[in-house]
Amino acid sequence: RFNISRDDAKKSVYLDMSKLRPGDTAIYYC
C-alpha cells in the first residue's frame, strides 16, 4: 500500500501512501 522513494541529490525521501485505513492514523517521523 505504501511506497518509499529517495532523491539523494535533493537530500529528500518520500512516502507515497495509498488505500489508507483508519489504522494508519499516527504521527509519522522521518
Full PDB file with SEQRES, HELIX, SHEET, SSBOND, CRYST1, ORIGX, SCALE, CONECT and MASTER records, all heavy atoms in Angstrom:
SEQRES   1 A   30  ARG PHE ASN ILE SER ARG ASP ASP ALA LYS LYS SER VAL          
SEQRES   2 A   30  TYR LEU ASP MET SER LYS LEU ARG PRO GLY ASP THR ALA          
SEQRES   3 A   30  ILE TYR TYR CYS                                              
HELIX    1 AA1 ASP A    8  LYS A   10  5                                   3    
HELIX    2 AA2 PRO A   22  ASP A   24  5                                   3    
SHEET    1 AA1 2 PHE A   2  ASP A   7  0                                        
SHEET    2 AA1 2 SER A  12  MET A  17 -1                                        
CRYST1    1.000    1.000    1.000  90.00  90.00  90.00 P 1           1          
ORIGX1      1.000000  0.000000  0.000000        0.00000                         
ORIGX2      0.000000  1.000000  0.000000        0.00000                         
ORIGX3      0.000000  0.000000  1.000000        0.00000                         
SCALE1      1.000000  0.000000  0.000000        0.00000                         
SCALE2      0.000000  1.000000  0.000000        0.00000                         
SCALE3      0.000000  0.000000  1.000000        0.00000                         
ATOM      1  N   ARG A   1       0.814  -1.214   0.000  1.00  0.00           N  
ATOM      2  CA  ARG A   1       0.000   0.000   0.000  1.00  0.00           C  
ATOM      3  C   ARG A   1       0.848   1.265   0.000  1.00  0.00           C  
ATOM      4  O   ARG A   1       0.427   2.284  -0.547  1.00  0.00           O  
ATOM      5  CB  ARG A   1      -0.940   0.031   1.204  1.00  0.00           C  
ATOM      6  CG  ARG A   1      -1.949  -1.106   1.236  1.00  0.00           C  
ATOM      7  CD  ARG A   1      -2.990  -0.892   2.330  1.00  0.00           C  
ATOM      8  NE  ARG A   1      -2.387  -0.867   3.660  1.00  0.00           N  
ATOM      9  CZ  ARG A   1      -2.424   0.177   4.473  1.00  0.00           C  
ATOM     10  NH1 ARG A   1      -3.045   1.294   4.103  1.00  0.00           N  
ATOM     11  NH2 ARG A   1      -1.861   0.116   5.680  1.00  0.00           N  
ATOM     12  N   PHE A   2       2.012   1.200   0.624  1.00  0.00           N  
ATOM     13  CA  PHE A   2       2.896   2.357   0.713  1.00  0.00           C  
ATOM     14  C   PHE A   2       4.117   2.148  -0.169  1.00  0.00           C  
ATOM     15  O   PHE A   2       4.543   1.012  -0.416  1.00  0.00           O  
ATOM     16  CB  PHE A   2       3.359   2.579   2.154  1.00  0.00           C  
ATOM     17  CG  PHE A   2       2.281   3.031   3.099  1.00  0.00           C  
ATOM     18  CD1 PHE A   2       0.947   3.046   2.728  1.00  0.00           C  
ATOM     19  CD2 PHE A   2       2.614   3.447   4.379  1.00  0.00           C  
ATOM     20  CE1 PHE A   2      -0.047   3.454   3.598  1.00  0.00           C  
ATOM     21  CE2 PHE A   2       1.637   3.864   5.263  1.00  0.00           C  
ATOM     22  CZ  PHE A   2       0.308   3.868   4.877  1.00  0.00           C  
ATOM     23  N   ASN A   3       4.707   3.251  -0.606  1.00  0.00           N  
ATOM     24  CA  ASN A   3       5.920   3.199  -1.414  1.00  0.00           C  
ATOM     25  C   ASN A   3       6.887   4.281  -0.959  1.00  0.00           C  
ATOM     26  O   ASN A   3       6.506   5.448  -0.857  1.00  0.00           O  
ATOM     27  CB  ASN A   3       5.599   3.372  -2.893  1.00  0.00           C  
ATOM     28  CG  ASN A   3       6.837   3.284  -3.768  1.00  0.00           C  
ATOM     29  OD1 ASN A   3       7.445   2.229  -3.896  1.00  0.00           O  
ATOM     30  ND2 ASN A   3       7.210   4.399  -4.390  1.00  0.00           N  
ATOM     31  N   ILE A   4       8.124   3.872  -0.682  1.00  0.00           N  
ATOM     32  CA  ILE A   4       9.150   4.827  -0.287  1.00  0.00           C  
ATOM     33  C   ILE A   4      10.095   5.067  -1.457  1.00  0.00           C  
ATOM     34  O   ILE A   4      10.406   4.152  -2.221  1.00  0.00           O  
ATOM     35  CB  ILE A   4       9.928   4.325   0.952  1.00  0.00           C  
ATOM     36  CG1 ILE A   4      10.873   5.409   1.473  1.00  0.00           C  
ATOM     37  CG2 ILE A   4      10.693   3.045   0.637  1.00  0.00           C  
ATOM     38  CD1 ILE A   4      11.529   5.054   2.802  1.00  0.00           C  
ATOM     39  N   SER A   5      10.543   6.301  -1.604  1.00  0.00           N  
ATOM     40  CA  SER A   5      11.497   6.652  -2.640  1.00  0.00           C  
ATOM     41  C   SER A   5      12.425   7.735  -2.100  1.00  0.00           C  
ATOM     42  O   SER A   5      12.091   8.423  -1.134  1.00  0.00           O  
ATOM     43  CB  SER A   5      10.794   7.137  -3.913  1.00  0.00           C  
ATOM     44  OG  SER A   5       9.998   8.283  -3.657  1.00  0.00           O  
ATOM     45  N   ARG A   6      13.583   7.869  -2.717  1.00  0.00           N  
ATOM     46  CA  ARG A   6      14.551   8.854  -2.248  1.00  0.00           C  
ATOM     47  C   ARG A   6      15.211   9.560  -3.415  1.00  0.00           C  
ATOM     48  O   ARG A   6      15.354   9.002  -4.506  1.00  0.00           O  
ATOM     49  CB  ARG A   6      15.607   8.198  -1.353  1.00  0.00           C  
ATOM     50  CG  ARG A   6      16.414   7.102  -2.040  1.00  0.00           C  
ATOM     51  CD  ARG A   6      17.257   6.329  -1.035  1.00  0.00           C  
ATOM     52  NE  ARG A   6      18.355   7.121  -0.517  1.00  0.00           N  
ATOM     53  CZ  ARG A   6      19.104   6.771   0.534  1.00  0.00           C  
ATOM     54  NH1 ARG A   6      18.839   5.649   1.187  1.00  0.00           N  
ATOM     55  NH2 ARG A   6      20.101   7.557   0.925  1.00  0.00           N  
ATOM     56  N   ASP A   7      15.623  10.789  -3.172  1.00  0.00           N  
ATOM     57  CA  ASP A   7      16.343  11.598  -4.143  1.00  0.00           C  
ATOM     58  C   ASP A   7      17.520  12.212  -3.405  1.00  0.00           C  
ATOM     59  O   ASP A   7      17.390  13.258  -2.770  1.00  0.00           O  
ATOM     60  CB  ASP A   7      15.438  12.678  -4.739  1.00  0.00           C  
ATOM     61  CG  ASP A   7      16.095  13.433  -5.880  1.00  0.00           C  
ATOM     62  OD1 ASP A   7      17.338  13.431  -5.970  1.00  0.00           O  
ATOM     63  OD2 ASP A   7      15.356  14.029  -6.689  1.00  0.00           O  
ATOM     64  N   ASP A   8      18.667  11.553  -3.485  1.00  0.00           N  
ATOM     65  CA  ASP A   8      19.828  11.995  -2.714  1.00  0.00           C  
ATOM     66  C   ASP A   8      20.330  13.361  -3.173  1.00  0.00           C  
ATOM     67  O   ASP A   8      20.880  14.120  -2.377  1.00  0.00           O  
ATOM     68  CB  ASP A   8      20.948  10.968  -2.810  1.00  0.00           C  
ATOM     69  CG  ASP A   8      20.684   9.732  -1.968  1.00  0.00           C  
ATOM     70  OD1 ASP A   8      19.514   9.489  -1.630  1.00  0.00           O  
ATOM     71  OD2 ASP A   8      21.650   9.012  -1.637  1.00  0.00           O  
ATOM     72  N   ALA A   9      20.161  13.678  -4.457  1.00  0.00           N  
ATOM     73  CA  ALA A   9      20.576  14.983  -4.954  1.00  0.00           C  
ATOM     74  C   ALA A   9      19.803  16.103  -4.271  1.00  0.00           C  
ATOM     75  O   ALA A   9      20.323  17.203  -4.074  1.00  0.00           O  
ATOM     76  CB  ALA A   9      20.405  15.068  -6.467  1.00  0.00           C  
ATOM     77  N   LYS A  10      18.553  15.839  -3.921  1.00  0.00           N  
ATOM     78  CA  LYS A  10      17.720  16.807  -3.222  1.00  0.00           C  
ATOM     79  C   LYS A  10      17.717  16.578  -1.718  1.00  0.00           C  
ATOM     80  O   LYS A  10      17.029  17.299  -0.991  1.00  0.00           O  
ATOM     81  CB  LYS A  10      16.290  16.762  -3.751  1.00  0.00           C  
ATOM     82  CG  LYS A  10      16.156  17.154  -5.211  1.00  0.00           C  
ATOM     83  CD  LYS A  10      14.705  17.101  -5.653  1.00  0.00           C  
ATOM     84  CE  LYS A  10      14.560  17.520  -7.096  1.00  0.00           C  
ATOM     85  NZ  LYS A  10      13.146  17.462  -7.552  1.00  0.00           N  
ATOM     86  N   LYS A  11      18.473  15.579  -1.274  1.00  0.00           N  
ATOM     87  CA  LYS A  11      18.526  15.213   0.140  1.00  0.00           C  
ATOM     88  C   LYS A  11      17.122  15.024   0.697  1.00  0.00           C  
ATOM     89  O   LYS A  11      16.761  15.557   1.752  1.00  0.00           O  
ATOM     90  CB  LYS A  11      19.304  16.261   0.944  1.00  0.00           C  
ATOM     91  CG  LYS A  11      20.764  16.371   0.534  1.00  0.00           C  
ATOM     92  CD  LYS A  11      21.554  17.292   1.448  1.00  0.00           C  
ATOM     93  CE  LYS A  11      21.121  18.733   1.270  1.00  0.00           C  
ATOM     94  NZ  LYS A  11      21.970  19.653   2.079  1.00  0.00           N  
ATOM     95  N   SER A  12      16.337  14.245  -0.041  1.00  0.00           N  
ATOM     96  CA  SER A  12      14.930  14.065   0.307  1.00  0.00           C  
ATOM     97  C   SER A  12      14.525  12.602   0.246  1.00  0.00           C  
ATOM     98  O   SER A  12      15.113  11.802  -0.482  1.00  0.00           O  
ATOM     99  CB  SER A  12      14.039  14.872  -0.638  1.00  0.00           C  
ATOM    100  OG  SER A  12      14.326  16.254  -0.571  1.00  0.00           O  
ATOM    101  N   VAL A  13      13.513  12.273   1.018  1.00  0.00           N  
ATOM    102  CA  VAL A  13      12.903  10.956   0.979  1.00  0.00           C  
ATOM    103  C   VAL A  13      11.392  11.152   1.053  1.00  0.00           C  
ATOM    104  O   VAL A  13      10.902  12.058   1.733  1.00  0.00           O  
ATOM    105  CB  VAL A  13      13.410  10.052   2.130  1.00  0.00           C  
ATOM    106  CG1 VAL A  13      13.079  10.654   3.486  1.00  0.00           C  
ATOM    107  CG2 VAL A  13      12.842   8.653   1.995  1.00  0.00           C  
ATOM    108  N   TYR A  14      10.656  10.301   0.329  1.00  0.00           N  
ATOM    109  CA  TYR A  14       9.218  10.460   0.217  1.00  0.00           C  
ATOM    110  C   TYR A  14       8.502   9.174   0.607  1.00  0.00           C  
ATOM    111  O   TYR A  14       9.048   8.080   0.491  1.00  0.00           O  
ATOM    112  CB  TYR A  14       8.829  10.840  -1.215  1.00  0.00           C  
ATOM    113  CG  TYR A  14       9.625  11.994  -1.772  1.00  0.00           C  
ATOM    114  CD1 TYR A  14      10.771  11.770  -2.531  1.00  0.00           C  
ATOM    115  CD2 TYR A  14       9.242  13.308  -1.529  1.00  0.00           C  
ATOM    116  CE1 TYR A  14      11.509  12.824  -3.036  1.00  0.00           C  
ATOM    117  CE2 TYR A  14       9.977  14.370  -2.033  1.00  0.00           C  
ATOM    118  CZ  TYR A  14      11.105  14.124  -2.785  1.00  0.00           C  
ATOM    119  OH  TYR A  14      11.837  15.177  -3.289  1.00  0.00           O  
ATOM    120  N   LEU A  15       7.279   9.321   1.042  1.00  0.00           N  
ATOM    121  CA  LEU A  15       6.429   8.181   1.356  1.00  0.00           C  
ATOM    122  C   LEU A  15       5.087   8.390   0.674  1.00  0.00           C  
ATOM    123  O   LEU A  15       4.330   9.285   1.055  1.00  0.00           O  
ATOM    124  CB  LEU A  15       6.239   8.024   2.868  1.00  0.00           C  
ATOM    125  CG  LEU A  15       5.422   6.814   3.306  1.00  0.00           C  
ATOM    126  CD1 LEU A  15       6.193   5.520   3.013  1.00  0.00           C  
ATOM    127  CD2 LEU A  15       5.073   6.899   4.791  1.00  0.00           C  
ATOM    128  N   ASP A  16       4.807   7.578  -0.334  1.00  0.00           N  
ATOM    129  CA  ASP A  16       3.535   7.623  -1.033  1.00  0.00           C  
ATOM    130  C   ASP A  16       2.602   6.589  -0.421  1.00  0.00           C  
ATOM    131  O   ASP A  16       2.872   5.388  -0.485  1.00  0.00           O  
ATOM    132  CB  ASP A  16       3.722   7.362  -2.526  1.00  0.00           C  
ATOM    133  CG  ASP A  16       4.444   8.495  -3.220  1.00  0.00           C  
ATOM    134  OD1 ASP A  16       3.891   9.623  -3.244  1.00  0.00           O  
ATOM    135  OD2 ASP A  16       5.555   8.271  -3.747  1.00  0.00           O  
ATOM    136  N   MET A  17       1.513   7.054   0.152  1.00  0.00           N  
ATOM    137  CA  MET A  17       0.574   6.197   0.849  1.00  0.00           C  
ATOM    138  C   MET A  17      -0.726   6.119   0.064  1.00  0.00           C  
ATOM    139  O   MET A  17      -1.268   7.138  -0.352  1.00  0.00           O  
ATOM    140  CB  MET A  17       0.301   6.729   2.257  1.00  0.00           C  
ATOM    141  CG  MET A  17       1.554   6.929   3.099  1.00  0.00           C  
ATOM    142  SD  MET A  17       1.190   7.543   4.761  1.00  0.00           S  
ATOM    143  CE  MET A  17       0.618   9.201   4.363  1.00  0.00           C  
ATOM    144  N   SER A  18      -1.236   4.914  -0.126  1.00  0.00           N  
ATOM    145  CA  SER A  18      -2.496   4.702  -0.823  1.00  0.00           C  
ATOM    146  C   SER A  18      -3.340   3.707  -0.046  1.00  0.00           C  
ATOM    147  O   SER A  18      -2.853   3.012   0.842  1.00  0.00           O  
ATOM    148  CB  SER A  18      -2.254   4.215  -2.252  1.00  0.00           C  
ATOM    149  OG  SER A  18      -1.590   2.968  -2.261  1.00  0.00           O  
ATOM    150  N   LYS A  19      -4.622   3.645  -0.421  1.00  0.00           N  
ATOM    151  CA  LYS A  19      -5.568   2.758   0.263  1.00  0.00           C  
ATOM    152  C   LYS A  19      -5.468   2.913   1.776  1.00  0.00           C  
ATOM    153  O   LYS A  19      -5.409   1.935   2.522  1.00  0.00           O  
ATOM    154  CB  LYS A  19      -5.332   1.307  -0.150  1.00  0.00           C  
ATOM    155  CG  LYS A  19      -5.492   1.061  -1.643  1.00  0.00           C  
ATOM    156  CD  LYS A  19      -5.220  -0.387  -2.001  1.00  0.00           C  
ATOM    157  CE  LYS A  19      -5.377  -0.626  -3.493  1.00  0.00           C  
ATOM    158  NZ  LYS A  19      -5.084  -2.034  -3.862  1.00  0.00           N  
ATOM    159  N   LEU A  20      -5.473   4.149   2.200  1.00  0.00           N  
ATOM    160  CA  LEU A  20      -5.291   4.452   3.613  1.00  0.00           C  
ATOM    161  C   LEU A  20      -6.457   3.943   4.453  1.00  0.00           C  
ATOM    162  O   LEU A  20      -7.607   3.966   4.020  1.00  0.00           O  
ATOM    163  CB  LEU A  20      -5.114   5.954   3.812  1.00  0.00           C  
ATOM    164  CG  LEU A  20      -3.742   6.494   3.401  1.00  0.00           C  
ATOM    165  CD1 LEU A  20      -3.783   7.998   3.220  1.00  0.00           C  
ATOM    166  CD2 LEU A  20      -2.695   6.109   4.441  1.00  0.00           C  
ATOM    167  N   ARG A  21      -6.147   3.496   5.644  1.00  0.00           N  
ATOM    168  CA  ARG A  21      -7.113   2.964   6.594  1.00  0.00           C  
ATOM    169  C   ARG A  21      -7.079   3.781   7.874  1.00  0.00           C  
ATOM    170  O   ARG A  21      -6.092   4.438   8.169  1.00  0.00           O  
ATOM    171  CB  ARG A  21      -6.777   1.504   6.917  1.00  0.00           C  
ATOM    172  CG  ARG A  21      -6.580   0.601   5.712  1.00  0.00           C  
ATOM    173  CD  ARG A  21      -5.897  -0.682   6.122  1.00  0.00           C  
ATOM    174  NE  ARG A  21      -5.680  -1.578   4.993  1.00  0.00           N  
ATOM    175  CZ  ARG A  21      -4.912  -2.656   5.036  1.00  0.00           C  
ATOM    176  NH1 ARG A  21      -4.295  -2.988   6.160  1.00  0.00           N  
ATOM    177  NH2 ARG A  21      -4.770  -3.418   3.953  1.00  0.00           N  
ATOM    178  N   PRO A  22      -8.163   3.739   8.657  1.00  0.00           N  
ATOM    179  CA  PRO A  22      -8.143   4.432   9.945  1.00  0.00           C  
ATOM    180  C   PRO A  22      -6.981   3.990  10.833  1.00  0.00           C  
ATOM    181  O   PRO A  22      -6.459   4.797  11.601  1.00  0.00           O  
ATOM    182  CB  PRO A  22      -9.491   4.048  10.569  1.00  0.00           C  
ATOM    183  CG  PRO A  22     -10.377   3.843   9.388  1.00  0.00           C  
ATOM    184  CD  PRO A  22      -9.489   3.195   8.343  1.00  0.00           C  
ATOM    185  N   GLY A  23      -6.559   2.731  10.705  1.00  0.00           N  
ATOM    186  CA  GLY A  23      -5.437   2.231  11.474  1.00  0.00           C  
ATOM    187  C   GLY A  23      -4.107   2.859  11.113  1.00  0.00           C  
ATOM    188  O   GLY A  23      -3.124   2.687  11.843  1.00  0.00           O  
ATOM    189  N   ASP A  24      -4.053   3.580   9.995  1.00  0.00           N  
ATOM    190  CA  ASP A  24      -2.838   4.284   9.603  1.00  0.00           C  
ATOM    191  C   ASP A  24      -2.686   5.620  10.324  1.00  0.00           C  
ATOM    192  O   ASP A  24      -1.649   6.272  10.188  1.00  0.00           O  
ATOM    193  CB  ASP A  24      -2.823   4.521   8.093  1.00  0.00           C  
ATOM    194  CG  ASP A  24      -2.757   3.232   7.299  1.00  0.00           C  
ATOM    195  OD1 ASP A  24      -2.020   2.313   7.716  1.00  0.00           O  
ATOM    196  OD2 ASP A  24      -3.437   3.138   6.259  1.00  0.00           O  
ATOM    197  N   THR A  25      -3.698   6.031  11.050  1.00  0.00           N  
ATOM    198  CA  THR A  25      -3.644   7.292  11.779  1.00  0.00           C  
ATOM    199  C   THR A  25      -2.513   7.265  12.793  1.00  0.00           C  
ATOM    200  O   THR A  25      -2.453   6.382  13.648  1.00  0.00           O  
ATOM    201  CB  THR A  25      -4.975   7.574  12.488  1.00  0.00           C  
ATOM    202  OG1 THR A  25      -6.009   7.722  11.511  1.00  0.00           O  
ATOM    203  CG2 THR A  25      -4.886   8.841  13.318  1.00  0.00           C  
ATOM    204  N   ALA A  26      -1.610   8.225  12.691  1.00  0.00           N  
ATOM    205  CA  ALA A  26      -0.438   8.274  13.558  1.00  0.00           C  
ATOM    206  C   ALA A  26       0.369   9.524  13.249  1.00  0.00           C  
ATOM    207  O   ALA A  26       0.107  10.234  12.282  1.00  0.00           O  
ATOM    208  CB  ALA A  26       0.434   7.028  13.357  1.00  0.00           C  
ATOM    209  N   ILE A  27       1.352   9.774  14.090  1.00  0.00           N  
ATOM    210  CA  ILE A  27       2.364  10.770  13.779  1.00  0.00           C  
ATOM    211  C   ILE A  27       3.483  10.051  13.038  1.00  0.00           C  
ATOM    212  O   ILE A  27       4.003   9.047  13.523  1.00  0.00           O  
ATOM    213  CB  ILE A  27       2.919  11.453  15.042  1.00  0.00           C  
ATOM    214  CG1 ILE A  27       1.805  12.151  15.812  1.00  0.00           C  
ATOM    215  CG2 ILE A  27       3.988  12.462  14.672  1.00  0.00           C  
ATOM    216  CD1 ILE A  27       2.259  12.762  17.125  1.00  0.00           C  
ATOM    217  N   TYR A  28       3.829  10.569  11.885  1.00  0.00           N  
ATOM    218  CA  TYR A  28       4.854   9.960  11.053  1.00  0.00           C  
ATOM    219  C   TYR A  28       6.160  10.733  11.189  1.00  0.00           C  
ATOM    220  O   TYR A  28       6.190  11.958  11.027  1.00  0.00           O  
ATOM    221  CB  TYR A  28       4.398   9.921   9.591  1.00  0.00           C  
ATOM    222  CG  TYR A  28       3.358   8.858   9.320  1.00  0.00           C  
ATOM    223  CD1 TYR A  28       2.064   8.992   9.813  1.00  0.00           C  
ATOM    224  CD2 TYR A  28       3.674   7.714   8.590  1.00  0.00           C  
ATOM    225  CE1 TYR A  28       1.113   8.010   9.592  1.00  0.00           C  
ATOM    226  CE2 TYR A  28       2.727   6.736   8.357  1.00  0.00           C  
ATOM    227  CZ  TYR A  28       1.454   6.879   8.858  1.00  0.00           C  
ATOM    228  OH  TYR A  28       0.508   5.904   8.625  1.00  0.00           O  
ATOM    229  N   TYR A  29       7.232  10.001  11.466  1.00  0.00           N  
ATOM    230  CA  TYR A  29       8.542  10.600  11.691  1.00  0.00           C  
ATOM    231  C   TYR A  29       9.516  10.160  10.612  1.00  0.00           C  
ATOM    232  O   TYR A  29       9.546   8.995  10.223  1.00  0.00           O  
ATOM    233  CB  TYR A  29       9.107  10.193  13.053  1.00  0.00           C  
ATOM    234  CG  TYR A  29       8.283  10.655  14.236  1.00  0.00           C  
ATOM    235  CD1 TYR A  29       7.280   9.850  14.765  1.00  0.00           C  
ATOM    236  CD2 TYR A  29       8.520  11.893  14.827  1.00  0.00           C  
ATOM    237  CE1 TYR A  29       6.533  10.260  15.850  1.00  0.00           C  
ATOM    238  CE2 TYR A  29       7.775  12.315  15.914  1.00  0.00           C  
ATOM    239  CZ  TYR A  29       6.784  11.484  16.423  1.00  0.00           C  
ATOM    240  OH  TYR A  29       6.043  11.897  17.501  1.00  0.00           O  
ATOM    241  N   CYS A  30      10.327  11.081  10.163  1.00  0.00           N  
ATOM    242  CA  CYS A  30      11.393  10.789   9.216  1.00  0.00           C  
ATOM    243  C   CYS A  30      12.690  10.541   9.974  1.00  0.00           C  
ATOM    244  O   CYS A  30      13.032  11.294  10.891  1.00  0.00           O  
ATOM    245  CB  CYS A  30      11.565  11.961   8.245  1.00  0.00           C  
ATOM    246  SG  CYS A  30      12.891  11.756   7.036  1.00  0.00           S  
TER     247      CYS A  30                                                      
MASTER        0    0    0    2    2    0    0    6  246    1    0    3          
END                                                                             
